[in-house]
C-alpha atoms as a PDB file:
ATOM      1  CA  MET A   1      19.048   5.274  10.319  1.00  0.00           C
ATOM      2  CA  LEU A   2      17.870   1.704   9.979  1.00  0.00           C
ATOM      3  CA  ARG A   3      18.215  -0.606  12.943  1.00  0.00           C
ATOM      4  CA  PRO A   4      21.199  -2.966  12.479  1.00  0.00           C
ATOM      5  CA  ALA A   5      19.136  -6.021  11.489  1.00  0.00           C
ATOM      6  CA  CYS A   6      17.278  -4.049   8.843  1.00  0.00           C
ATOM      7  CA  ALA A   7      20.490  -2.440   7.610  1.00  0.00           C
ATOM      8  CA  LEU A   8      22.096  -5.846   7.143  1.00  0.00           C
ATOM      9  CA  PHE A   9      19.007  -7.107   5.344  1.00  0.00           C
ATOM     10  CA  ALA A  10      19.013  -4.069   3.037  1.00  0.00           C
ATOM     11  CA  ALA A  11      22.657  -4.718   2.171  1.00  0.00           C
ATOM     12  CA  TRP A  12      21.843  -8.365   1.458  1.00  0.00           C
ATOM     13  CA  LEU A  13      19.013  -7.335  -0.863  1.00  0.00           C
ATOM     14  CA  LEU A  14      21.296  -5.025  -2.828  1.00  0.00           C
ATOM     15  CA  ALA A  15      23.844  -7.817  -3.224  1.00  0.00           C
ATOM     16  CA  ALA A  16      21.310 -10.493  -4.152  1.00  0.00           C
ATOM     17  CA  PRO A  17      20.721 -11.383  -7.808  1.00  0.00           C
ATOM     18  CA  ALA A  18      17.831  -9.623  -9.539  1.00  0.00           C
ATOM     19  CA  ALA A  19      15.834 -12.863  -9.693  1.00  0.00           C
ATOM     20  CA  ALA A  20      15.504 -12.769  -5.894  1.00  0.00           C
ATOM     21  CA  GLN A  21      13.237  -9.726  -6.011  1.00  0.00           C
ATOM     22  CA  PRO A  22      10.063  -8.453  -7.666  1.00  0.00           C
ATOM     23  CA  ALA A  23      10.510  -6.294 -10.781  1.00  0.00           C
ATOM     24  CA  PRO A  24      13.282  -3.851  -9.832  1.00  0.00           C
ATOM     25  CA  PHE A  25      13.082  -0.088  -9.591  1.00  0.00           C
ATOM     26  CA  PRO A  26      15.029   1.998 -12.109  1.00  0.00           C
ATOM     27  CA  GLY A  27      18.678   2.378 -11.217  1.00  0.00           C
ATOM     28  CA  ASP A  28      18.437   6.135 -10.683  1.00  0.00           C
ATOM     29  CA  PHE A  29      16.077   5.779  -7.704  1.00  0.00           C
ATOM     30  CA  ARG A  30      17.640   6.659  -4.377  1.00  0.00           C
ATOM     31  CA  VAL A  31      16.747   5.135  -1.024  1.00  0.00           C
ATOM     32  CA  GLN A  32      16.516   7.061   2.221  1.00  0.00           C
ATOM     33  CA  ASP A  33      15.156   6.534   5.708  1.00  0.00           C
ATOM     34  CA  ILE A  34      13.087   9.458   6.946  1.00  0.00           C
ATOM     35  CA  PRO A  35      12.163  10.032  10.605  1.00  0.00           C
ATOM     36  CA  ALA A  36       8.457  10.865  10.606  1.00  0.00           C
ATOM     37  CA  ASN A  37       5.791  10.950  13.291  1.00  0.00           C
ATOM     38  CA  GLY A  38       7.540   8.583  15.698  1.00  0.00           C
ATOM     39  CA  ALA A  39       8.645   6.078  13.048  1.00  0.00           C
ATOM     40  CA  THR A  40      11.437   5.789  10.495  1.00  0.00           C
ATOM     41  CA  ILE A  41      10.011   5.330   7.020  1.00  0.00           C
ATOM     42  CA  HIS A  42      12.040   3.593   4.310  1.00  0.00           C
ATOM     43  CA  VAL A  43      11.458   5.504   1.066  1.00  0.00           C
ATOM     44  CA  ARG A  44      12.455   5.120  -2.581  1.00  0.00           C
ATOM     45  CA  VAL A  45      12.537   8.374  -4.593  1.00  0.00           C
ATOM     46  CA  GLY A  46      13.209   8.933  -8.286  1.00  0.00           C
ATOM     47  CA  GLY A  47      12.235  10.910 -11.363  1.00  0.00           C
ATOM     48  CA  HIS A  48      11.408  14.563 -11.920  1.00  0.00           C
ATOM     49  CA  GLY A  49       8.211  16.566 -12.161  1.00  0.00           C
ATOM     50  CA  PRO A  50       4.952  16.669 -10.197  1.00  0.00           C
ATOM     51  CA  ALA A  51       5.005  14.262  -7.283  1.00  0.00           C
ATOM     52  CA  VAL A  52       3.174  10.932  -7.111  1.00  0.00           C
ATOM     53  CA  VAL A  53       3.118   8.727  -4.006  1.00  0.00           C
ATOM     54  CA  LEU A  54       2.691   4.934  -4.286  1.00  0.00           C
ATOM     55  CA  LEU A  55       1.464   3.095  -1.149  1.00  0.00           C
ATOM     56  CA  HIS A  56       1.477  -0.702  -0.797  1.00  0.00           C
ATOM     57  CA  GLY A  57      -0.623  -3.015   1.362  1.00  0.00           C
ATOM     58  CA  PHE A  58      -0.301  -6.303   3.248  1.00  0.00           C
ATOM     59  CA  GLY A  59       1.611  -9.140   1.603  1.00  0.00           C
ATOM     60  CA  ASP A  60       3.774  -6.646  -0.273  1.00  0.00           C
ATOM     61  CA  THR A  61       6.095  -3.761   0.472  1.00  0.00           C
ATOM     62  CA  GLY A  62       6.911  -0.717  -1.624  1.00  0.00           C
ATOM     63  CA  ASP A  63       8.874  -3.161  -3.792  1.00  0.00           C
ATOM     64  CA  MET A  64       5.596  -4.097  -5.528  1.00  0.00           C
ATOM     65  CA  TRP A  65       5.582  -0.804  -7.426  1.00  0.00           C
ATOM     66  CA  GLY A  66       8.697  -1.284  -9.613  1.00  0.00           C
ATOM     67  CA  PRO A  67       6.858  -1.362 -12.979  1.00  0.00           C
ATOM     68  CA  MET A  68       4.642   1.596 -12.010  1.00  0.00           C
ATOM     69  CA  ALA A  69       7.646   3.614 -10.844  1.00  0.00           C
ATOM     70  CA  SER A  70       9.504   2.871 -14.088  1.00  0.00           C
ATOM     71  CA  GLU A  71       6.621   4.302 -16.107  1.00  0.00           C
ATOM     72  CA  LEU A  72       5.811   7.329 -13.946  1.00  0.00           C
ATOM     73  CA  GLU A  73       9.374   8.547 -13.323  1.00  0.00           C
ATOM     74  CA  ARG A  74       9.498   9.831 -16.911  1.00  0.00           C
ATOM     75  CA  ASP A  75       7.480  12.880 -15.872  1.00  0.00           C
ATOM     76  CA  HIS A  76       6.877  12.571 -12.128  1.00  0.00           C
ATOM     77  CA  THR A  77       8.857  12.616  -8.931  1.00  0.00           C
ATOM     78  CA  VAL A  78       7.910   9.167  -7.614  1.00  0.00           C
ATOM     79  CA  VAL A  79       7.850   8.574  -3.847  1.00  0.00           C
ATOM     80  CA  VAL A  80       7.448   4.983  -2.619  1.00  0.00           C
ATOM     81  CA  PRO A  81       7.418   4.388   1.163  1.00  0.00           C
ATOM     82  CA  ASP A  82       7.204   1.180   3.123  1.00  0.00           C
ATOM     83  CA  LEU A  83       4.364   1.576   5.637  1.00  0.00           C
ATOM     84  CA  ARG A  84       5.386   1.668   9.285  1.00  0.00           C
ATOM     85  CA  GLY A  85       6.094  -1.800  10.630  1.00  0.00           C
ATOM     86  CA  MET A  86       6.452  -3.267   7.137  1.00  0.00           C
ATOM     87  CA  GLY A  87       9.335  -3.782   4.736  1.00  0.00           C
ATOM     88  CA  LEU A  88      12.431  -1.881   5.855  1.00  0.00           C
ATOM     89  CA  SER A  89      10.578   0.805   7.813  1.00  0.00           C
ATOM     90  CA  SER A  90      10.892   0.754  11.594  1.00  0.00           C
ATOM     91  CA  LYS A  91       8.686  -1.473  13.733  1.00  0.00           C
ATOM     92  CA  PRO A  92       7.291   0.817  16.472  1.00  0.00           C
ATOM     93  CA  ALA A  93       5.129  -0.507  19.275  1.00  0.00           C
ATOM     94  CA  GLY A  94       1.975   1.215  18.052  1.00  0.00           C
ATOM     95  CA  GLY A  95       0.490   3.747  15.669  1.00  0.00           C
ATOM     96  CA  PHE A  96      -1.014   1.266  13.199  1.00  0.00           C
ATOM     97  CA  ASP A  97      -4.342   3.050  12.897  1.00  0.00           C
ATOM     98  CA  LYS A  98      -4.462   4.637   9.467  1.00  0.00           C
ATOM     99  CA  LYS A  99      -4.941   8.166  10.809  1.00  0.00           C
ATOM    100  CA  THR A 100      -1.524   7.927  12.475  1.00  0.00           C
ATOM    101  CA  GLN A 101       0.034   6.439   9.354  1.00  0.00           C
ATOM    102  CA  ALA A 102      -1.348   9.345   7.338  1.00  0.00           C
ATOM    103  CA  GLY A 103       0.807  11.449   9.647  1.00  0.00           C
ATOM    104  CA  ASP A 104       3.788   9.322   8.633  1.00  0.00           C
ATOM    105  CA  LEU A 105       3.112  10.190   4.998  1.00  0.00           C
ATOM    106  CA  ALA A 106       2.752  13.877   5.797  1.00  0.00           C
ATOM    107  CA  GLY A 107       6.123  13.769   7.553  1.00  0.00           C
ATOM    108  CA  VAL A 108       7.783  12.048   4.594  1.00  0.00           C
ATOM    109  CA  LEU A 109       6.432  14.608   2.139  1.00  0.00           C
ATOM    110  CA  ASP A 110       7.458  17.475   4.412  1.00  0.00           C
ATOM    111  CA  ALA A 111      10.990  16.076   4.632  1.00  0.00           C
ATOM    112  CA  LEU A 112      11.117  15.850   0.828  1.00  0.00           C
ATOM    113  CA  LYS A 113       9.677  19.393   0.545  1.00  0.00           C
ATOM    114  CA  ILE A 114       6.682  18.136  -1.428  1.00  0.00           C
ATOM    115  CA  GLN A 115       3.473  20.043  -0.780  1.00  0.00           C
ATOM    116  CA  ARG A 116       1.078  18.346  -3.228  1.00  0.00           C
ATOM    117  CA  ALA A 117       1.035  14.939  -4.883  1.00  0.00           C
ATOM    118  CA  ASP A 118      -1.047  12.437  -6.765  1.00  0.00           C
ATOM    119  CA  VAL A 119      -1.602   9.404  -4.525  1.00  0.00           C
ATOM    120  CA  VAL A 120      -1.833   5.819  -5.857  1.00  0.00           C
ATOM    121  CA  THR A 121      -2.598   3.076  -3.348  1.00  0.00           C
ATOM    122  CA  HIS A 122      -3.385  -0.644  -2.988  1.00  0.00           C
ATOM    123  CA  ASP A 123      -4.969  -2.715  -0.202  1.00  0.00           C
ATOM    124  CA  ILE A 124      -4.121  -1.269   3.263  1.00  0.00           C
ATOM    125  CA  GLY A 125      -2.407   1.560   1.410  1.00  0.00           C
ATOM    126  CA  ASN A 126      -5.902   2.613   0.308  1.00  0.00           C
ATOM    127  CA  MET A 127      -6.882   3.122   3.938  1.00  0.00           C
ATOM    128  CA  VAL A 128      -3.771   5.152   4.719  1.00  0.00           C
ATOM    129  CA  GLY A 129      -4.290   7.167   1.532  1.00  0.00           C
ATOM    130  CA  PHE A 130      -7.922   7.877   2.427  1.00  0.00           C
ATOM    131  CA  ALA A 131      -6.961   9.054   5.915  1.00  0.00           C
ATOM    132  CA  PHE A 132      -4.314  11.318   4.381  1.00  0.00           C
ATOM    133  CA  ALA A 133      -6.662  12.724   1.730  1.00  0.00           C
ATOM    134  CA  ALA A 134      -9.423  13.304   4.289  1.00  0.00           C
ATOM    135  CA  GLN A 135      -7.112  15.222   6.620  1.00  0.00           C
ATOM    136  CA  HIS A 136      -5.051  16.989   3.942  1.00  0.00           C
ATOM    137  CA  PRO A 137      -7.318  17.411   0.904  1.00  0.00           C
ATOM    138  CA  ASP A 138      -5.252  20.377  -0.269  1.00  0.00           C
ATOM    139  CA  ARG A 139      -2.210  18.108  -0.599  1.00  0.00           C
ATOM    140  CA  VAL A 140      -3.794  15.451  -2.856  1.00  0.00           C
ATOM    141  CA  THR A 141      -4.183  16.330  -6.539  1.00  0.00           C
ATOM    142  CA  ARG A 142      -5.659  13.001  -7.702  1.00  0.00           C
ATOM    143  CA  PHE A 143      -6.294   9.789  -5.807  1.00  0.00           C
ATOM    144  CA  VAL A 144      -6.199   6.226  -7.184  1.00  0.00           C
ATOM    145  CA  LEU A 145      -7.381   3.374  -4.931  1.00  0.00           C
ATOM    146  CA  ILE A 146      -6.848  -0.211  -6.107  1.00  0.00           C
ATOM    147  CA  ASP A 147      -8.628  -3.339  -4.887  1.00  0.00           C
ATOM    148  CA  VAL A 148      -9.837  -3.037  -1.289  1.00  0.00           C
ATOM    149  CA  PRO A 149     -12.000  -0.038  -0.433  1.00  0.00           C
ATOM    150  CA  GLY A 150     -10.432   2.531   1.864  1.00  0.00           C
ATOM    151  CA  VAL A 151     -13.782   2.942   3.550  1.00  0.00           C
ATOM    152  CA  GLY A 152     -16.791   0.685   3.861  1.00  0.00           C
ATOM    153  CA  PRO A 153     -19.178  -1.337   5.995  1.00  0.00           C
ATOM    154  CA  TRP A 154     -16.485  -3.020   8.067  1.00  0.00           C
ATOM    155  CA  GLU A 155     -18.971  -4.715  10.378  1.00  0.00           C
ATOM    156  CA  GLU A 156     -20.248  -6.704   7.383  1.00  0.00           C
ATOM    157  CA  ILE A 157     -16.864  -7.170   5.749  1.00  0.00           C
ATOM    158  CA  LEU A 158     -15.441  -8.715   8.905  1.00  0.00           C
ATOM    159  CA  LYS A 159     -18.113 -11.437   8.797  1.00  0.00           C
ATOM    160  CA  ASN A 160     -16.797 -12.831   5.508  1.00  0.00           C
ATOM    161  CA  PRO A 161     -15.159 -16.194   6.327  1.00  0.00           C
ATOM    162  CA  LEU A 162     -12.450 -15.588   3.720  1.00  0.00           C
ATOM    163  CA  LEU A 163     -11.314 -12.630   5.817  1.00  0.00           C
ATOM    164  CA  TRP A 164     -10.704 -14.516   9.056  1.00  0.00           C
ATOM    165  CA  HIS A 165      -7.195 -13.078   9.149  1.00  0.00           C
ATOM    166  CA  PHE A 166      -8.538  -9.650  10.142  1.00  0.00           C
ATOM    167  CA  ARG A 167      -9.250 -11.100  13.611  1.00  0.00           C
ATOM    168  CA  PHE A 168      -6.120 -13.286  13.679  1.00  0.00           C
ATOM    169  CA  GLY A 169      -3.556 -11.805  16.038  1.00  0.00           C
ATOM    170  CA  GLY A 170      -1.950 -11.861  19.434  1.00  0.00           C
ATOM    171  CA  LEU A 171       1.105 -13.593  20.857  1.00  0.00           C
ATOM    172  CA  ASP A 172      -0.102 -17.141  20.237  1.00  0.00           C
ATOM    173  CA  MET A 173      -0.866 -16.362  16.595  1.00  0.00           C
ATOM    174  CA  GLU A 174       2.544 -14.746  16.188  1.00  0.00           C
ATOM    175  CA  ARG A 175       4.177 -17.883  17.608  1.00  0.00           C
ATOM    176  CA  LEU A 176       2.231 -20.047  15.169  1.00  0.00           C
ATOM    177  CA  VAL A 177       3.401 -18.003  12.186  1.00  0.00           C
ATOM    178  CA  ALA A 178       7.020 -17.471  13.329  1.00  0.00           C
ATOM    179  CA  GLY A 179       9.312 -19.322  10.933  1.00  0.00           C
ATOM    180  CA  ARG A 180       6.330 -20.100   8.708  1.00  0.00           C
ATOM    181  CA  GLU A 181       5.884 -16.671   7.139  1.00  0.00           C
ATOM    182  CA  ARG A 182       6.042 -18.085   3.621  1.00  0.00           C
ATOM    183  CA  ILE A 183       3.218 -20.553   4.397  1.00  0.00           C
ATOM    184  CA  TYR A 184       1.067 -17.765   5.846  1.00  0.00           C
ATOM    185  CA  LEU A 185       1.681 -15.405   2.925  1.00  0.00           C
ATOM    186  CA  ASP A 186       1.088 -18.114   0.325  1.00  0.00           C
ATOM    187  CA  ARG A 187      -2.491 -18.394   1.585  1.00  0.00           C
ATOM    188  CA  PHE A 188      -3.106 -14.769   0.568  1.00  0.00           C
ATOM    189  CA  TYR A 189      -1.366 -15.037  -2.795  1.00  0.00           C
ATOM    190  CA  ASN A 190      -3.210 -18.245  -3.670  1.00  0.00           C
ATOM    191  CA  ASP A 191      -6.683 -17.446  -2.320  1.00  0.00           C
ATOM    192  CA  PHE A 192      -6.940 -13.838  -3.477  1.00  0.00           C
ATOM    193  CA  GLY A 193      -5.180 -14.104  -6.821  1.00  0.00           C
ATOM    194  CA  ALA A 194      -6.940 -15.059 -10.043  1.00  0.00           C
ATOM    195  CA  HIS A 195      -3.530 -16.153 -11.361  1.00  0.00           C
ATOM    196  CA  PRO A 196      -1.403 -17.081  -8.350  1.00  0.00           C
ATOM    197  CA  GLU A 197       1.070 -18.696 -10.740  1.00  0.00           C
ATOM    198  CA  ARG A 198       2.041 -15.177 -11.855  1.00  0.00           C
ATOM    199  CA  ILE A 199       3.354 -14.446  -8.364  1.00  0.00           C
ATOM    200  CA  THR A 200       6.748 -16.018  -8.809  1.00  0.00           C
ATOM    201  CA  GLU A 201       8.620 -18.163  -6.315  1.00  0.00           C
ATOM    202  CA  ALA A 202      11.286 -15.457  -6.158  1.00  0.00           C
ATOM    203  CA  THR A 203       8.706 -12.800  -5.312  1.00  0.00           C
ATOM    204  CA  ARG A 204       7.101 -14.992  -2.630  1.00  0.00           C
ATOM    205  CA  ASP A 205      10.488 -15.752  -1.066  1.00  0.00           C
ATOM    206  CA  HIS A 206      11.432 -12.083  -1.144  1.00  0.00           C
ATOM    207  CA  TYR A 207       8.365 -10.990   0.800  1.00  0.00           C
ATOM    208  CA  ALA A 208       8.580 -13.947   3.184  1.00  0.00           C
ATOM    209  CA  ARG A 209      12.082 -12.798   4.170  1.00  0.00           C
ATOM    210  CA  LEU A 210      10.862  -9.251   4.746  1.00  0.00           C
ATOM    211  CA  TYR A 211       7.880 -10.377   6.814  1.00  0.00           C
ATOM    212  CA  ALA A 212      10.201 -12.595   8.879  1.00  0.00           C
ATOM    213  CA  LEU A 213      12.187  -9.567  10.083  1.00  0.00           C
ATOM    214  CA  PRO A 214      11.899  -8.947  13.843  1.00  0.00           C
ATOM    215  CA  GLY A 215       8.593  -7.251  14.611  1.00  0.00           C
ATOM    216  CA  ALA A 216       7.274  -7.408  11.050  1.00  0.00           C
ATOM    217  CA  MET A 217       4.520  -9.956  11.556  1.00  0.00           C
ATOM    218  CA  HIS A 218       3.503  -8.358  14.857  1.00  0.00           C
ATOM    219  CA  SER A 219       3.156  -5.075  12.982  1.00  0.00           C
ATOM    220  CA  SER A 220       1.118  -6.730  10.235  1.00  0.00           C
ATOM    221  CA  PHE A 221      -1.336  -8.178  12.752  1.00  0.00           C
ATOM    222  CA  ALA A 222      -1.532  -4.704  14.314  1.00  0.00           C
ATOM    223  CA  GLN A 223      -2.522  -3.225  10.943  1.00  0.00           C
ATOM    224  CA  PHE A 224      -5.594  -5.480  10.956  1.00  0.00           C
ATOM    225  CA  ALA A 225      -6.327  -5.010  14.652  1.00  0.00           C
ATOM    226  CA  ALA A 226      -6.621  -1.259  14.049  1.00  0.00           C
ATOM    227  CA  PHE A 227      -9.550  -1.638  11.622  1.00  0.00           C
ATOM    228  CA  ASP A 228     -12.159  -0.958  14.318  1.00  0.00           C
ATOM    229  CA  GLN A 229     -10.488   2.345  15.158  1.00  0.00           C
ATOM    230  CA  ASP A 230     -10.091   3.098  11.467  1.00  0.00           C
ATOM    231  CA  ALA A 231     -13.856   2.739  10.971  1.00  0.00           C
ATOM    232  CA  ILE A 232     -14.472   5.223  13.798  1.00  0.00           C
ATOM    233  CA  ASP A 233     -11.949   7.650  12.338  1.00  0.00           C
ATOM    234  CA  ASN A 234     -13.386   7.351   8.823  1.00  0.00           C
ATOM    235  CA  ARG A 235     -16.879   8.190  10.059  1.00  0.00           C
ATOM    236  CA  ALA A 236     -15.448  11.206  11.846  1.00  0.00           C
ATOM    237  CA  PHE A 237     -13.572  12.364   8.737  1.00  0.00           C
ATOM    238  CA  LEU A 238     -16.774  12.283   6.684  1.00  0.00           C
ATOM    239  CA  ALA A 239     -18.876  13.902   9.401  1.00  0.00           C
ATOM    240  CA  ASN A 240     -16.403  16.723  10.017  1.00  0.00           C
ATOM    241  CA  HIS A 241     -15.017  17.353   6.534  1.00  0.00           C
ATOM    242  CA  GLY A 242     -17.512  15.841   4.106  1.00  0.00           C
ATOM    243  CA  LYS A 243     -16.674  13.721   1.087  1.00  0.00           C
ATOM    244  CA  LEU A 244     -13.414  13.964  -0.818  1.00  0.00           C
ATOM    245  CA  THR A 245     -13.665  16.333  -3.762  1.00  0.00           C
ATOM    246  CA  MET A 246     -10.452  15.645  -5.695  1.00  0.00           C
ATOM    247  CA  PRO A 247     -10.701  13.320  -8.745  1.00  0.00           C
ATOM    248  CA  VAL A 248     -10.738   9.687  -7.601  1.00  0.00           C
ATOM    249  CA  LEU A 249     -10.140   6.544  -9.651  1.00  0.00           C
ATOM    250  CA  ALA A 250     -11.357   3.355  -7.940  1.00  0.00           C
ATOM    251  CA  LEU A 251      -9.934   0.242  -9.603  1.00  0.00           C
ATOM    252  CA  GLY A 252     -10.755  -3.365  -8.795  1.00  0.00           C
ATOM    253  CA  GLY A 253      -9.335  -6.578 -10.161  1.00  0.00           C
ATOM    254  CA  ASP A 254     -11.981  -8.173 -12.367  1.00  0.00           C
ATOM    255  CA  LYS A 255     -11.760 -11.401 -10.326  1.00  0.00           C
ATOM    256  CA  SER A 256     -11.700  -9.474  -7.054  1.00  0.00           C
ATOM    257  CA  PHE A 257     -13.466  -6.226  -6.074  1.00  0.00           C
ATOM    258  CA  GLY A 258     -14.125  -5.136  -9.671  1.00  0.00           C
ATOM    259  CA  ASN A 259     -16.727  -2.370  -9.982  1.00  0.00           C
ATOM    260  CA  THR A 260     -17.543  -2.592  -6.274  1.00  0.00           C
ATOM    261  CA  MET A 261     -14.549  -0.361  -5.629  1.00  0.00           C
ATOM    262  CA  ALA A 262     -16.230   2.587  -7.324  1.00  0.00           C
ATOM    263  CA  GLU A 263     -19.606   1.865  -5.723  1.00  0.00           C
ATOM    264  CA  VAL A 264     -18.106   1.952  -2.240  1.00  0.00           C
ATOM    265  CA  MET A 265     -15.944   5.006  -2.875  1.00  0.00           C
ATOM    266  CA  ARG A 266     -18.917   7.057  -4.059  1.00  0.00           C
ATOM    267  CA  ALA A 267     -20.051   7.015  -0.442  1.00  0.00           C
ATOM    268  CA  ALA A 268     -16.869   8.871   0.466  1.00  0.00           C
ATOM    269  CA  ALA A 269     -15.989  10.995  -2.592  1.00  0.00           C
ATOM    270  CA  THR A 270     -17.926  13.187  -5.010  1.00  0.00           C
ATOM    271  CA  ASN A 271     -15.825  12.785  -8.161  1.00  0.00           C
ATOM    272  CA  VAL A 272     -15.303   9.042  -8.641  1.00  0.00           C
ATOM    273  CA  GLN A 273     -14.364   7.257 -11.839  1.00  0.00           C
ATOM    274  CA  GLY A 274     -14.478   3.465 -11.798  1.00  0.00           C
ATOM    275  CA  GLY A 275     -12.353   0.940 -13.607  1.00  0.00           C
ATOM    276  CA  VAL A 276     -11.449  -2.726 -13.701  1.00  0.00           C
ATOM    277  CA  VAL A 277      -8.030  -4.332 -14.071  1.00  0.00           C
ATOM    278  CA  PRO A 278      -8.713  -7.182 -16.540  1.00  0.00           C
ATOM    279  CA  ASP A 279      -7.474 -10.745 -16.092  1.00  0.00           C
ATOM    280  CA  SER A 280      -6.478 -10.112 -12.486  1.00  0.00           C
ATOM    281  CA  GLY A 281      -7.421 -10.860  -8.922  1.00  0.00           C
ATOM    282  CA  HIS A 282      -6.172  -8.848  -5.961  1.00  0.00           C
ATOM    283  CA  TRP A 283      -2.440  -8.851  -6.769  1.00  0.00           C
ATOM    284  CA  ILE A 284      -2.670  -6.431  -9.670  1.00  0.00           C
ATOM    285  CA  MET A 285       1.043  -5.598 -10.023  1.00  0.00           C
ATOM    286  CA  ASP A 286       1.966  -9.269 -10.269  1.00  0.00           C
ATOM    287  CA  GLU A 287      -1.050 -10.543 -12.201  1.00  0.00           C
ATOM    288  CA  ASN A 288      -1.458  -7.771 -14.777  1.00  0.00           C
ATOM    289  CA  PRO A 289       1.026  -4.931 -14.255  1.00  0.00           C
ATOM    290  CA  LYS A 290       0.785  -3.679 -17.845  1.00  0.00           C
ATOM    291  CA  ALA A 291      -2.958  -3.025 -17.625  1.00  0.00           C
ATOM    292  CA  THR A 292      -2.687  -1.562 -14.128  1.00  0.00           C
ATOM    293  CA  VAL A 293       0.027   0.877 -15.167  1.00  0.00           C
ATOM    294  CA  ALA A 294      -1.944   1.900 -18.281  1.00  0.00           C
ATOM    295  CA  LEU A 295      -5.129   2.595 -16.288  1.00  0.00           C
ATOM    296  CA  VAL A 296      -3.282   4.666 -13.689  1.00  0.00           C
ATOM    297  CA  ARG A 297      -1.276   6.562 -16.313  1.00  0.00           C
ATOM    298  CA  ALA A 298      -4.414   7.458 -18.300  1.00  0.00           C
ATOM    299  CA  PHE A 299      -6.128   8.813 -15.178  1.00  0.00           C
ATOM    300  CA  LEU A 300      -3.146  10.851 -14.026  1.00  0.00           C
ATOM    301  CA  ASP A 301      -2.687  12.313 -17.513  1.00  0.00           C
ATOM    302  CA  ALA A 302      -6.361  13.234 -18.021  1.00  0.00           C
ATOM    303  CA  LYS A 303      -7.596  16.788 -17.616  1.00  0.00           C
ATOM    304  CA  PRO A 304      -9.644  17.321 -14.430  1.00  0.00           C
ATOM    305  CA  ARG A 305     -13.308  16.465 -14.880  1.00  0.00           C
END
């Protein structure tokens, strides 16, 4: 069950006009809250057929995937969680390393009696997806990572001044952001989008309300603080299990990571196809959802290479 504050917020969302949210999910999707691995994961499920999981990143929740879910539900069972600590999932004290969150995903799929799935991810979702695929390669049929590598030279990445937020955390930082979640999130939408004007005021307000929920911003800072441990875990995955062997599509926004996504992922997977989302920065489902959906659909429909 959701905690009372989250339950009230969920009811408010359902009653709010459609303009107050990102592109909605199809009406036949159901919502459930699944206890998994010490957290309660808020999940949207719809469609019929082989399973596909959609994982969001920071600045979004599972709500980002409405247009993708609408397309894929025609011939897939579509599973869309909110990561722990984000959206309407519970806000536990810890467990924000991506290895632990891969356990959350395993628990969700077990509860839904899904053994194997395609996995489509964005941003921090890429890191959770990689940890899941590395630990459970038999459960991932195909893997799509979009704009932010799930693995990489984090020591160098963390030196980029644009990415100061990875080291921004702690009680004082949380106090600075409290009540100013919209201001904080706008920085990401504006600085990392090629077309920030395509991220509507309604969408920005929607996510600001979700990130203002008790514990949500603390959890978001914890996602970033876990990156050092994630780098250690990723090296161990590769050393102990080798590279991923399932088909991988690495997509980057053409004004963001672009072809670098595929270059980085080839260090961690043997069967990598690259691609670029045109006319888009980081926020692919807001900036160019049509092209993103088409690229993912073509990869999922293709025969294994």
